[in-house]
Amino acid sequence: MNRSIEYESLFNTVYRTYKTAFLRFAFTYVHDYTVAADLTADAFSDFWEKNLLCSEKEAASYILTSIKNKCLNHLKHQRVVDTASISLTEYQKWELHARINQLESCDPTDFFSNEIRQIINETLQSLPARTRQIFIMSRFDGKSYSEIATATNISVKGVEFHISKALKAFRISLKDYFPFLFLFFPFSH
């Protein structure tokens, strides 16, 4: 009989006789049918590639040992994955807790108001002295345009010009915060 035919016959006999038992053996340890089937198929495939001509019992023993080793490797890998997963889960819990605490203690109003105040102060300082003085009298001191005109010895139209000039500068510098401005900076006169 030809060696390859003999080997094929041995392989088929071992496969038909032991496949189900080997599959159950693997499943007993890995607890996942798909993984058990893959490991068993890999062991049979390894045996096929070795092309070892031996007795049926030796072939079965070789394949079962291969399945045992594959199951061990799978379980060791699973242990590493589980350990990493537990560590990751613990870290994720800690990180989530930290983010929740940060968010609970964060007051967006303070954040925006401080940032907006800084931009307002910088913009105010960049205005010409006369425009800045008139704007402060109007918006911070609450004076009317006619009171400002009398105090600065200019016309009401002159006051309107300076206020307009200041508001334009603020609109440009605060364009990103415009929806929030009504909370922090009243623009009425």
N, C-alpha and C. Protein backbone atom coordinates (compact mmCIF):
# COMPACT_ATOMS: atom_id res chain seq x y z
N MET A 1 0.84 -1.18 0.00
CA MET A 1 0.00 0.00 0.00
C MET A 1 0.89 1.25 0.00
N ASN A 2 0.49 2.26 -0.73
CA ASN A 2 1.22 3.51 -0.85
C ASN A 2 1.18 4.25 0.49
N ARG A 3 2.31 4.89 0.85
CA ARG A 3 2.43 5.59 2.14
C ARG A 3 1.35 6.66 2.30
N SER A 4 1.10 7.52 1.29
CA SER A 4 0.11 8.60 1.42
C SER A 4 -1.30 8.04 1.56
N ILE A 5 -1.60 6.94 0.89
CA ILE A 5 -2.92 6.31 1.02
C ILE A 5 -3.06 5.73 2.43
N GLU A 6 -1.98 5.11 2.91
CA GLU A 6 -1.97 4.55 4.26
C GLU A 6 -2.20 5.66 5.29
N TYR A 7 -1.49 6.78 5.10
CA TYR A 7 -1.60 7.91 6.04
C TYR A 7 -3.01 8.50 6.00
N GLU A 8 -3.55 8.67 4.82
CA GLU A 8 -4.90 9.21 4.67
C GLU A 8 -5.91 8.30 5.35
N SER A 9 -5.74 7.01 5.21
CA SER A 9 -6.63 6.04 5.85
C SER A 9 -6.53 6.15 7.37
N LEU A 10 -5.29 6.25 7.89
CA LEU A 10 -5.07 6.42 9.33
C LEU A 10 -5.74 7.70 9.82
N PHE A 11 -5.50 8.78 9.11
CA PHE A 11 -6.07 10.07 9.50
C PHE A 11 -7.59 10.00 9.54
N ASN A 12 -8.21 9.48 8.49
CA ASN A 12 -9.67 9.38 8.42
C ASN A 12 -10.23 8.52 9.55
N THR A 13 -9.57 7.43 9.86
CA THR A 13 -10.02 6.55 10.94
C THR A 13 -9.97 7.28 12.28
N VAL A 14 -8.84 7.93 12.56
CA VAL A 14 -8.68 8.68 13.82
C VAL A 14 -9.70 9.81 13.88
N TYR A 15 -9.88 10.51 12.78
CA TYR A 15 -10.82 11.64 12.73
C TYR A 15 -12.24 11.17 13.05
N ARG A 16 -12.70 10.15 12.35
CA ARG A 16 -14.07 9.65 12.56
C ARG A 16 -14.24 9.08 13.97
N THR A 17 -13.24 8.40 14.47
CA THR A 17 -13.35 7.72 15.76
C THR A 17 -13.27 8.69 16.94
N TYR A 18 -12.40 9.68 16.86
CA TYR A 18 -12.09 10.51 18.05
C TYR A 18 -12.56 11.97 17.98
N LYS A 19 -12.99 12.44 16.84
CA LYS A 19 -13.32 13.87 16.68
C LYS A 19 -14.29 14.34 17.76
N THR A 20 -15.40 13.65 17.95
CA THR A 20 -16.42 14.08 18.92
C THR A 20 -15.87 14.05 20.34
N ALA A 21 -15.14 13.01 20.69
CA ALA A 21 -14.56 12.91 22.04
C ALA A 21 -13.54 14.03 22.27
N PHE A 22 -12.72 14.31 21.25
CA PHE A 22 -11.72 15.37 21.37
C PHE A 22 -12.39 16.74 21.51
N LEU A 23 -13.46 16.92 20.76
CA LEU A 23 -14.21 18.18 20.83
C LEU A 23 -14.78 18.37 22.23
N ARG A 24 -15.37 17.32 22.79
CA ARG A 24 -15.91 17.38 24.16
C ARG A 24 -14.80 17.67 25.17
N PHE A 25 -13.65 17.01 24.97
CA PHE A 25 -12.50 17.23 25.85
C PHE A 25 -12.12 18.72 25.86
N ALA A 26 -11.98 19.30 24.68
CA ALA A 26 -11.60 20.72 24.58
C ALA A 26 -12.68 21.61 25.19
N PHE A 27 -13.94 21.31 24.90
CA PHE A 27 -15.05 22.12 25.42
C PHE A 27 -15.10 22.09 26.94
N THR A 28 -14.75 20.95 27.54
CA THR A 28 -14.74 20.82 28.99
C THR A 28 -13.85 21.88 29.63
N TYR A 29 -12.80 22.26 28.96
CA TYR A 29 -11.85 23.22 29.53
C TYR A 29 -12.06 24.66 29.06
N VAL A 30 -12.40 24.85 27.79
CA VAL A 30 -12.50 26.23 27.28
C VAL A 30 -13.90 26.81 27.40
N HIS A 31 -14.91 25.97 27.59
CA HIS A 31 -16.31 26.41 27.79
C HIS A 31 -16.84 27.28 26.66
N ASP A 32 -16.34 27.07 25.47
CA ASP A 32 -16.82 27.82 24.31
C ASP A 32 -16.75 26.85 23.12
N TYR A 33 -17.92 26.51 22.58
CA TYR A 33 -17.98 25.49 21.53
C TYR A 33 -17.16 25.89 20.30
N THR A 34 -17.26 27.15 19.90
CA THR A 34 -16.53 27.60 18.70
C THR A 34 -15.02 27.48 18.92
N VAL A 35 -14.56 27.92 20.08
CA VAL A 35 -13.12 27.83 20.38
C VAL A 35 -12.69 26.37 20.44
N ALA A 36 -13.50 25.53 21.10
CA ALA A 36 -13.18 24.09 21.20
C ALA A 36 -13.08 23.47 19.81
N ALA A 37 -14.01 23.81 18.94
CA ALA A 37 -14.00 23.28 17.57
C ALA A 37 -12.76 23.76 16.82
N ASP A 38 -12.40 25.03 16.99
CA ASP A 38 -11.20 25.57 16.32
C ASP A 38 -9.93 24.87 16.81
N LEU A 39 -9.82 24.70 18.12
CA LEU A 39 -8.62 24.07 18.68
C LEU A 39 -8.50 22.61 18.23
N THR A 40 -9.63 21.92 18.21
CA THR A 40 -9.64 20.52 17.76
C THR A 40 -9.26 20.44 16.28
N ALA A 41 -9.84 21.30 15.47
CA ALA A 41 -9.51 21.31 14.04
C ALA A 41 -8.04 21.64 13.82
N ASP A 42 -7.50 22.60 14.60
CA ASP A 42 -6.08 22.94 14.48
C ASP A 42 -5.19 21.75 14.82
N ALA A 43 -5.57 21.01 15.86
CA ALA A 43 -4.77 19.83 16.25
C ALA A 43 -4.79 18.77 15.15
N PHE A 44 -5.97 18.53 14.58
CA PHE A 44 -6.05 17.57 13.47
C PHE A 44 -5.23 18.06 12.27
N SER A 45 -5.31 19.35 12.01
CA SER A 45 -4.56 19.94 10.89
C SER A 45 -3.06 19.80 11.11
N ASP A 46 -2.62 20.06 12.36
CA ASP A 46 -1.19 19.91 12.68
C ASP A 46 -0.73 18.47 12.44
N PHE A 47 -1.56 17.53 12.88
CA PHE A 47 -1.21 16.11 12.69
C PHE A 47 -1.13 15.78 11.21
N TRP A 48 -2.08 16.28 10.43
CA TRP A 48 -2.10 16.02 8.98
C TRP A 48 -0.81 16.54 8.34
N GLU A 49 -0.38 17.74 8.74
CA GLU A 49 0.82 18.35 8.15
C GLU A 49 2.09 17.61 8.55
N LYS A 50 2.10 16.99 9.73
CA LYS A 50 3.28 16.24 10.19
C LYS A 50 3.51 14.98 9.34
N ASN A 51 2.41 14.45 8.83
CA ASN A 51 2.50 13.26 7.97
C ASN A 51 3.22 12.10 8.68
N LEU A 52 2.83 11.88 9.95
CA LEU A 52 3.44 10.82 10.76
C LEU A 52 2.70 9.50 10.54
N LEU A 53 3.40 8.52 10.14
CA LEU A 53 2.79 7.20 9.98
C LEU A 53 3.04 6.43 11.28
N CYS A 54 1.96 6.18 12.02
CA CYS A 54 2.07 5.50 13.31
C CYS A 54 0.78 4.72 13.55
N SER A 55 0.66 4.15 14.73
CA SER A 55 -0.55 3.39 15.03
C SER A 55 -1.71 4.35 15.31
N GLU A 56 -2.91 3.82 15.29
CA GLU A 56 -4.11 4.64 15.55
C GLU A 56 -4.04 5.24 16.96
N LYS A 57 -3.63 4.43 17.94
CA LYS A 57 -3.55 4.91 19.32
C LYS A 57 -2.49 6.00 19.46
N GLU A 58 -1.35 5.85 18.81
CA GLU A 58 -0.30 6.87 18.85
C GLU A 58 -0.79 8.16 18.19
N ALA A 59 -1.49 8.03 17.09
CA ALA A 59 -2.05 9.21 16.41
C ALA A 59 -3.05 9.92 17.31
N ALA A 60 -3.94 9.15 17.93
CA ALA A 60 -4.94 9.73 18.83
C ALA A 60 -4.27 10.41 20.01
N SER A 61 -3.25 9.76 20.56
CA SER A 61 -2.51 10.33 21.68
C SER A 61 -1.82 11.64 21.28
N TYR A 62 -1.22 11.65 20.09
CA TYR A 62 -0.54 12.85 19.58
C TYR A 62 -1.55 14.00 19.44
N ILE A 63 -2.69 13.72 18.84
CA ILE A 63 -3.71 14.76 18.60
C ILE A 63 -4.29 15.25 19.93
N LEU A 64 -4.56 14.34 20.86
CA LEU A 64 -5.11 14.73 22.16
C LEU A 64 -4.11 15.59 22.94
N THR A 65 -2.84 15.24 22.87
CA THR A 65 -1.80 16.05 23.53
C THR A 65 -1.76 17.44 22.90
N SER A 66 -1.88 17.49 21.60
CA SER A 66 -1.90 18.77 20.89
C SER A 66 -3.11 19.61 21.33
N ILE A 67 -4.27 18.98 21.44
CA ILE A 67 -5.48 19.69 21.88
C ILE A 67 -5.29 20.20 23.31
N LYS A 68 -4.73 19.35 24.17
CA LYS A 68 -4.48 19.74 25.56
C LYS A 68 -3.60 20.99 25.60
N ASN A 69 -2.50 20.99 24.84
CA ASN A 69 -1.58 22.13 24.81
C ASN A 69 -2.25 23.38 24.24
N LYS A 70 -3.06 23.21 23.22
CA LYS A 70 -3.78 24.35 22.63
C LYS A 70 -4.79 24.91 23.63
N CYS A 71 -5.46 24.04 24.37
CA CYS A 71 -6.40 24.49 25.40
C CYS A 71 -5.66 25.26 26.50
N LEU A 72 -4.52 24.72 26.92
CA LEU A 72 -3.71 25.40 27.94
C LEU A 72 -3.29 26.79 27.46
N ASN A 73 -2.79 26.87 26.24
CA ASN A 73 -2.38 28.16 25.68
C ASN A 73 -3.55 29.13 25.61
N HIS A 74 -4.70 28.62 25.18
CA HIS A 74 -5.89 29.46 25.10
C HIS A 74 -6.28 29.98 26.49
N LEU A 75 -6.30 29.09 27.48
CA LEU A 75 -6.69 29.48 28.84
C LEU A 75 -5.69 30.46 29.46
N LYS A 76 -4.41 30.25 29.21
CA LYS A 76 -3.39 31.18 29.71
C LYS A 76 -3.57 32.55 29.07
N HIS A 77 -3.82 32.54 27.77
CA HIS A 77 -4.07 33.81 27.07
C HIS A 77 -5.33 34.48 27.63
N GLN A 78 -6.36 33.69 27.86
CA GLN A 78 -7.61 34.22 28.40
C GLN A 78 -7.38 34.84 29.78
N ARG A 79 -6.53 34.19 30.58
CA ARG A 79 -6.22 34.73 31.91
C ARG A 79 -5.54 36.09 31.79
N VAL A 80 -4.61 36.23 30.85
CA VAL A 80 -3.94 37.51 30.63
C VAL A 80 -4.95 38.56 30.19
N VAL A 81 -5.82 38.18 29.25
CA VAL A 81 -6.85 39.11 28.75
C VAL A 81 -7.78 39.52 29.89
N ASP A 82 -8.21 38.54 30.69
CA ASP A 82 -9.12 38.84 31.80
C ASP A 82 -8.46 39.75 32.83
N THR A 83 -7.19 39.48 33.14
CA THR A 83 -6.47 40.32 34.10
C THR A 83 -6.35 41.74 33.56
N ALA A 84 -6.00 41.86 32.30
CA ALA A 84 -5.90 43.19 31.68
C ALA A 84 -7.26 43.86 31.65
N SER A 85 -8.28 43.09 31.37
CA SER A 85 -9.64 43.63 31.30
C SER A 85 -10.09 44.13 32.67
N ILE A 86 -9.78 43.36 33.71
CA ILE A 86 -10.14 43.78 35.07
C ILE A 86 -9.39 45.05 35.42
N SER A 87 -8.10 45.09 35.10
CA SER A 87 -7.31 46.29 35.37
C SER A 87 -7.86 47.47 34.59
N LEU A 88 -8.18 47.22 33.33
CA LEU A 88 -8.73 48.28 32.49
C LEU A 88 -10.07 48.73 33.03
N THR A 89 -10.89 47.78 33.43
CA THR A 89 -12.20 48.12 33.98
C THR A 89 -12.03 48.96 35.24
N GLU A 90 -11.11 48.58 36.11
CA GLU A 90 -10.87 49.36 37.32
C GLU A 90 -10.40 50.77 36.96
N TYR A 91 -9.49 50.87 35.98
CA TYR A 91 -9.02 52.18 35.54
C TYR A 91 -10.16 52.99 34.94
N GLN A 92 -10.99 52.33 34.12
CA GLN A 92 -12.11 53.03 33.49
C GLN A 92 -13.09 53.53 34.55
N LYS A 93 -13.33 52.71 35.59
CA LYS A 93 -14.21 53.14 36.68
C LYS A 93 -13.62 54.36 37.38
N TRP A 94 -12.32 54.29 37.66
CA TRP A 94 -11.66 55.40 38.33
C TRP A 94 -11.72 56.67 37.46
N GLU A 95 -11.42 56.50 36.16
CA GLU A 95 -11.42 57.65 35.26
C GLU A 95 -12.82 58.24 35.14
N LEU A 96 -13.83 57.39 35.03
CA LEU A 96 -15.20 57.86 34.93
C LEU A 96 -15.59 58.61 36.19
N HIS A 97 -15.22 58.07 37.34
CA HIS A 97 -15.50 58.73 38.62
C HIS A 97 -14.81 60.11 38.66
N ALA A 98 -13.56 60.16 38.22
CA ALA A 98 -12.82 61.43 38.20
C ALA A 98 -13.48 62.44 37.27
N ARG A 99 -13.91 61.97 36.09
CA ARG A 99 -14.57 62.89 35.15
C ARG A 99 -15.90 63.39 35.70
N ILE A 100 -16.65 62.51 36.36
CA ILE A 100 -17.93 62.92 36.96
C ILE A 100 -17.67 63.97 38.03
N ASN A 101 -16.68 63.73 38.89
CA ASN A 101 -16.35 64.70 39.94
C ASN A 101 -15.93 66.04 39.36
N GLN A 102 -15.10 66.00 38.32
CA GLN A 102 -14.67 67.24 37.68
C GLN A 102 -15.85 67.99 37.10
N LEU A 103 -16.72 67.25 36.44
CA LEU A 103 -17.88 67.88 35.81
C LEU A 103 -18.83 68.45 36.85
N GLU A 104 -19.01 67.73 37.95
CA GLU A 104 -19.90 68.23 39.00
C GLU A 104 -19.34 69.49 39.65
N SER A 105 -18.03 69.57 39.78
CA SER A 105 -17.44 70.74 40.42
C SER A 105 -17.18 71.89 39.45
N CYS A 106 -17.33 71.63 38.17
CA CYS A 106 -17.10 72.65 37.14
C CYS A 106 -18.32 73.57 37.04
N ASP A 107 -18.07 74.85 37.09
CA ASP A 107 -19.15 75.82 36.90
C ASP A 107 -18.88 76.57 35.60
N PRO A 108 -19.58 76.18 34.52
CA PRO A 108 -19.34 76.82 33.23
C PRO A 108 -19.51 78.33 33.27
N THR A 109 -20.40 78.79 34.13
CA THR A 109 -20.62 80.23 34.25
C THR A 109 -19.33 80.92 34.68
N ASP A 110 -18.65 80.34 35.68
CA ASP A 110 -17.39 80.92 36.13
C ASP A 110 -16.34 80.88 35.03
N PHE A 111 -16.28 79.74 34.34
CA PHE A 111 -15.29 79.60 33.28
C PHE A 111 -15.50 80.67 32.21
N PHE A 112 -16.73 80.76 31.70
CA PHE A 112 -16.99 81.72 30.65
C PHE A 112 -16.90 83.15 31.17
N SER A 113 -17.42 83.41 32.37
CA SER A 113 -17.40 84.78 32.86
C SER A 113 -15.97 85.26 33.07
N ASN A 114 -15.09 84.40 33.59
CA ASN A 114 -13.69 84.81 33.77
C ASN A 114 -13.02 85.06 32.42
N GLU A 115 -13.27 84.16 31.48
CA GLU A 115 -12.68 84.31 30.16
C GLU A 115 -13.24 85.56 29.46
N ILE A 116 -14.53 85.75 29.56
CA ILE A 116 -15.16 86.92 28.94
C ILE A 116 -14.69 88.20 29.60
N ARG A 117 -14.58 88.19 30.93
CA ARG A 117 -14.08 89.39 31.64
C ARG A 117 -12.68 89.75 31.16
N GLN A 118 -11.85 88.73 30.97
CA GLN A 118 -10.49 88.99 30.50
C GLN A 118 -10.52 89.62 29.10
N ILE A 119 -11.34 89.08 28.22
CA ILE A 119 -11.45 89.63 26.86
C ILE A 119 -12.01 91.05 26.91
N ILE A 120 -13.00 91.27 27.76
CA ILE A 120 -13.59 92.61 27.90
C ILE A 120 -12.53 93.60 28.38
N ASN A 121 -11.76 93.21 29.40
CA ASN A 121 -10.72 94.10 29.92
C ASN A 121 -9.67 94.40 28.86
N GLU A 122 -9.26 93.37 28.11
CA GLU A 122 -8.26 93.59 27.06
C GLU A 122 -8.81 94.49 25.96
N THR A 123 -10.07 94.25 25.58
CA THR A 123 -10.68 95.08 24.53
C THR A 123 -10.85 96.51 25.03
N LEU A 124 -11.28 96.65 26.27
CA LEU A 124 -11.47 97.98 26.87
C LEU A 124 -10.15 98.75 26.88
N GLN A 125 -9.06 98.07 27.24
CA GLN A 125 -7.75 98.72 27.28
C GLN A 125 -7.25 99.08 25.88
N SER A 126 -7.73 98.36 24.86
CA SER A 126 -7.28 98.64 23.49
C SER A 126 -8.03 99.83 22.86
N LEU A 127 -9.13 100.25 23.48
CA LEU A 127 -9.91 101.38 22.94
C LEU A 127 -9.16 102.70 23.15
N PRO A 128 -9.39 103.67 22.27
CA PRO A 128 -8.82 105.00 22.52
C PRO A 128 -9.34 105.54 23.86
N ALA A 129 -8.57 106.36 24.54
CA ALA A 129 -8.89 106.82 25.89
C ALA A 129 -10.28 107.46 25.98
N ARG A 130 -10.62 108.30 25.04
CA ARG A 130 -11.92 109.00 25.06
C ARG A 130 -13.07 107.99 24.90
N THR A 131 -12.93 107.07 23.95
CA THR A 131 -13.96 106.04 23.71
C THR A 131 -14.10 105.17 24.96
N ARG A 132 -12.98 104.78 25.56
CA ARG A 132 -13.01 103.95 26.77
C ARG A 132 -13.73 104.69 27.90
N GLN A 133 -13.41 105.97 28.10
CA GLN A 133 -14.03 106.77 29.16
C GLN A 133 -15.54 106.85 28.97
N ILE A 134 -15.98 107.12 27.75
CA ILE A 134 -17.41 107.24 27.45
C ILE A 134 -18.11 105.90 27.62
N PHE A 135 -17.48 104.84 27.17
CA PHE A 135 -18.07 103.50 27.29
C PHE A 135 -18.22 103.11 28.76
N ILE A 136 -17.21 103.38 29.57
CA ILE A 136 -17.28 103.06 31.01
C ILE A 136 -18.39 103.87 31.67
N MET A 137 -18.50 105.13 31.32
CA MET A 137 -19.56 105.96 31.91
C MET A 137 -20.94 105.41 31.56
N SER A 138 -21.08 104.91 30.33
CA SER A 138 -22.37 104.39 29.88
C SER A 138 -22.67 103.01 30.47
N ARG A 139 -21.76 102.10 30.31
CA ARG A 139 -22.05 100.71 30.65
C ARG A 139 -21.75 100.34 32.10
N PHE A 140 -20.74 100.95 32.69
CA PHE A 140 -20.39 100.58 34.06
C PHE A 140 -20.94 101.56 35.10
N ASP A 141 -21.02 102.82 34.73
CA ASP A 141 -21.54 103.81 35.67
C ASP A 141 -23.04 104.04 35.49
N GLY A 142 -23.60 103.55 34.39
CA GLY A 142 -25.04 103.64 34.16
C GLY A 142 -25.54 105.03 33.79
N LYS A 143 -24.69 105.89 33.27
CA LYS A 143 -25.10 107.25 32.89
C LYS A 143 -25.78 107.23 31.52
N SER A 144 -26.70 108.16 31.34
CA SER A 144 -27.39 108.28 30.06
C SER A 144 -26.48 109.00 29.06
N TYR A 145 -26.86 108.93 27.79
CA TYR A 145 -26.05 109.58 26.76
C TYR A 145 -25.99 111.09 26.99
N SER A 146 -27.09 111.68 27.40
CA SER A 146 -27.10 113.14 27.62
C SER A 146 -26.23 113.51 28.82
N GLU A 147 -26.22 112.68 29.87
CA GLU A 147 -25.36 112.96 31.03
C GLU A 147 -23.89 112.85 30.62
N ILE A 148 -23.58 111.87 29.80
CA ILE A 148 -22.20 111.69 29.34
C ILE A 148 -21.80 112.86 28.45
N ALA A 149 -22.72 113.29 27.57
CA ALA A 149 -22.44 114.42 26.67
C ALA A 149 -22.13 115.68 27.49
N THR A 150 -22.90 115.93 28.52
CA THR A 150 -22.68 117.10 29.37
C THR A 150 -21.35 116.97 30.11
N ALA A 151 -21.06 115.79 30.68
CA ALA A 151 -19.84 115.59 31.47
C ALA A 151 -18.58 115.66 30.62
N THR A 152 -18.65 115.23 29.37
CA THR A 152 -17.46 115.19 28.50
C THR A 152 -17.41 116.36 27.53
N ASN A 153 -18.45 117.19 27.56
CA ASN A 153 -18.49 118.38 26.72
C ASN A 153 -18.48 118.03 25.23
N ILE A 154 -19.26 116.98 24.86
CA ILE A 154 -19.45 116.64 23.45
C ILE A 154 -20.94 116.44 23.22
N SER A 155 -21.33 116.33 21.96
CA SER A 155 -22.75 116.17 21.65
C SER A 155 -23.20 114.73 21.93
N VAL A 156 -24.53 114.55 22.01
CA VAL A 156 -25.10 113.21 22.19
C VAL A 156 -24.70 112.34 21.00
N LYS A 157 -24.68 112.92 19.79
CA LYS A 157 -24.25 112.17 18.60
C LYS A 157 -22.80 111.71 18.76
N GLY A 158 -21.95 112.53 19.37
CA GLY A 158 -20.55 112.16 19.63
C GLY A 158 -20.48 110.98 20.59
N VAL A 159 -21.35 111.01 21.63
CA VAL A 159 -21.41 109.90 22.59
C VAL A 159 -21.84 108.62 21.85
N GLU A 160 -22.87 108.74 21.02
CA GLU A 160 -23.35 107.59 20.24
C GLU A 160 -22.24 107.02 19.36
N PHE A 161 -21.44 107.91 18.75
CA PHE A 161 -20.33 107.48 17.90
C PHE A 161 -19.33 106.64 18.71
N HIS A 162 -18.93 107.16 19.88
CA HIS A 162 -17.94 106.46 20.71
C HIS A 162 -18.49 105.12 21.23
N ILE A 163 -19.76 105.11 21.64
CA ILE A 163 -20.39 103.86 22.12
C ILE A 163 -20.44 102.85 20.97
N SER A 164 -20.82 103.32 19.79
CA SER A 164 -20.88 102.47 18.61
C SER A 164 -19.51 101.87 18.29
N LYS A 165 -18.49 102.70 18.37
CA LYS A 165 -17.12 102.27 18.10
C LYS A 165 -16.69 101.20 19.12
N ALA A 166 -17.00 101.41 20.39
CA ALA A 166 -16.65 100.45 21.45
C ALA A 166 -17.41 99.13 21.25
N LEU A 167 -18.71 99.23 20.96
CA LEU A 167 -19.52 98.02 20.78
C LEU A 167 -19.02 97.20 19.60
N LYS A 168 -18.59 97.88 18.54
CA LYS A 168 -18.05 97.17 17.39
C LYS A 168 -16.79 96.39 17.79
N ALA A 169 -15.92 97.02 18.56
CA ALA A 169 -14.70 96.35 19.03
C ALA A 169 -15.05 95.13 19.89
N PHE A 170 -16.06 95.29 20.76
CA PHE A 170 -16.48 94.17 21.61
C PHE A 170 -17.12 93.05 20.80
N ARG A 171 -17.93 93.42 19.81
CA ARG A 171 -18.55 92.39 18.95
C ARG A 171 -17.49 91.54 18.26
N ILE A 172 -16.43 92.20 17.80
CA ILE A 172 -15.35 91.48 17.12
C ILE A 172 -14.59 90.58 18.10
N SER A 173 -14.23 91.12 19.25
CA SER A 173 -13.42 90.33 20.19
C SER A 173 -14.22 89.25 20.89
N LEU A 174 -15.53 89.42 21.00
CA LEU A 174 -16.37 88.45 21.72
C LEU A 174 -17.26 87.63 20.79
N LYS A 175 -16.94 87.60 19.51
CA LYS A 175 -17.81 86.91 18.55
C LYS A 175 -18.06 85.45 18.90
N ASP A 176 -17.06 84.77 19.48
CA ASP A 176 -17.22 83.36 19.84
C ASP A 176 -18.12 83.16 21.06
N TYR A 177 -18.32 84.22 21.83
CA TYR A 177 -19.09 84.12 23.07
C TYR A 177 -20.43 84.83 22.97
N PHE A 178 -20.77 85.30 21.80
CA PHE A 178 -21.96 86.12 21.65
C PHE A 178 -23.21 85.52 22.30
N PRO A 179 -23.50 84.21 22.16
CA PRO A 179 -24.71 83.68 22.80
C PRO A 179 -24.70 83.79 24.32
N PHE A 180 -23.51 83.91 24.93
CA PHE A 180 -23.42 83.95 26.39
C PHE A 180 -23.36 85.37 26.93
N LEU A 181 -23.20 86.35 26.06
CA LEU A 181 -22.96 87.71 26.52
C LEU A 181 -24.11 88.28 27.34
N PHE A 182 -25.33 87.92 27.01
CA PHE A 182 -26.45 88.47 27.76
C PHE A 182 -26.38 88.08 29.24
N LEU A 183 -25.66 87.02 29.56
CA LEU A 183 -25.52 86.59 30.95
C LEU A 183 -24.53 87.47 31.72
N PHE A 184 -23.52 87.98 31.02
CA PHE A 184 -22.41 88.62 31.71
C PHE A 184 -22.25 90.11 31.43
N PHE A 185 -22.82 90.59 30.34
CA PHE A 185 -22.45 91.93 29.91
C PHE A 185 -23.64 92.61 29.26
N PRO A 186 -24.43 93.35 30.01
CA PRO A 186 -25.61 94.00 29.43
C PRO A 186 -25.21 95.10 28.45
N PHE A 187 -25.88 95.13 27.29
CA PHE A 187 -25.55 96.13 26.26
C PHE A 187 -26.65 97.18 26.09
N SER A 188 -27.50 97.31 27.05
CA SER A 188 -28.56 98.32 26.91
C SER A 188 -28.03 99.70 27.30
N HIS A 189 -28.73 100.74 26.83
CA HIS A 189 -28.31 102.10 27.21
C HIS A 189 -29.43 102.89 27.76
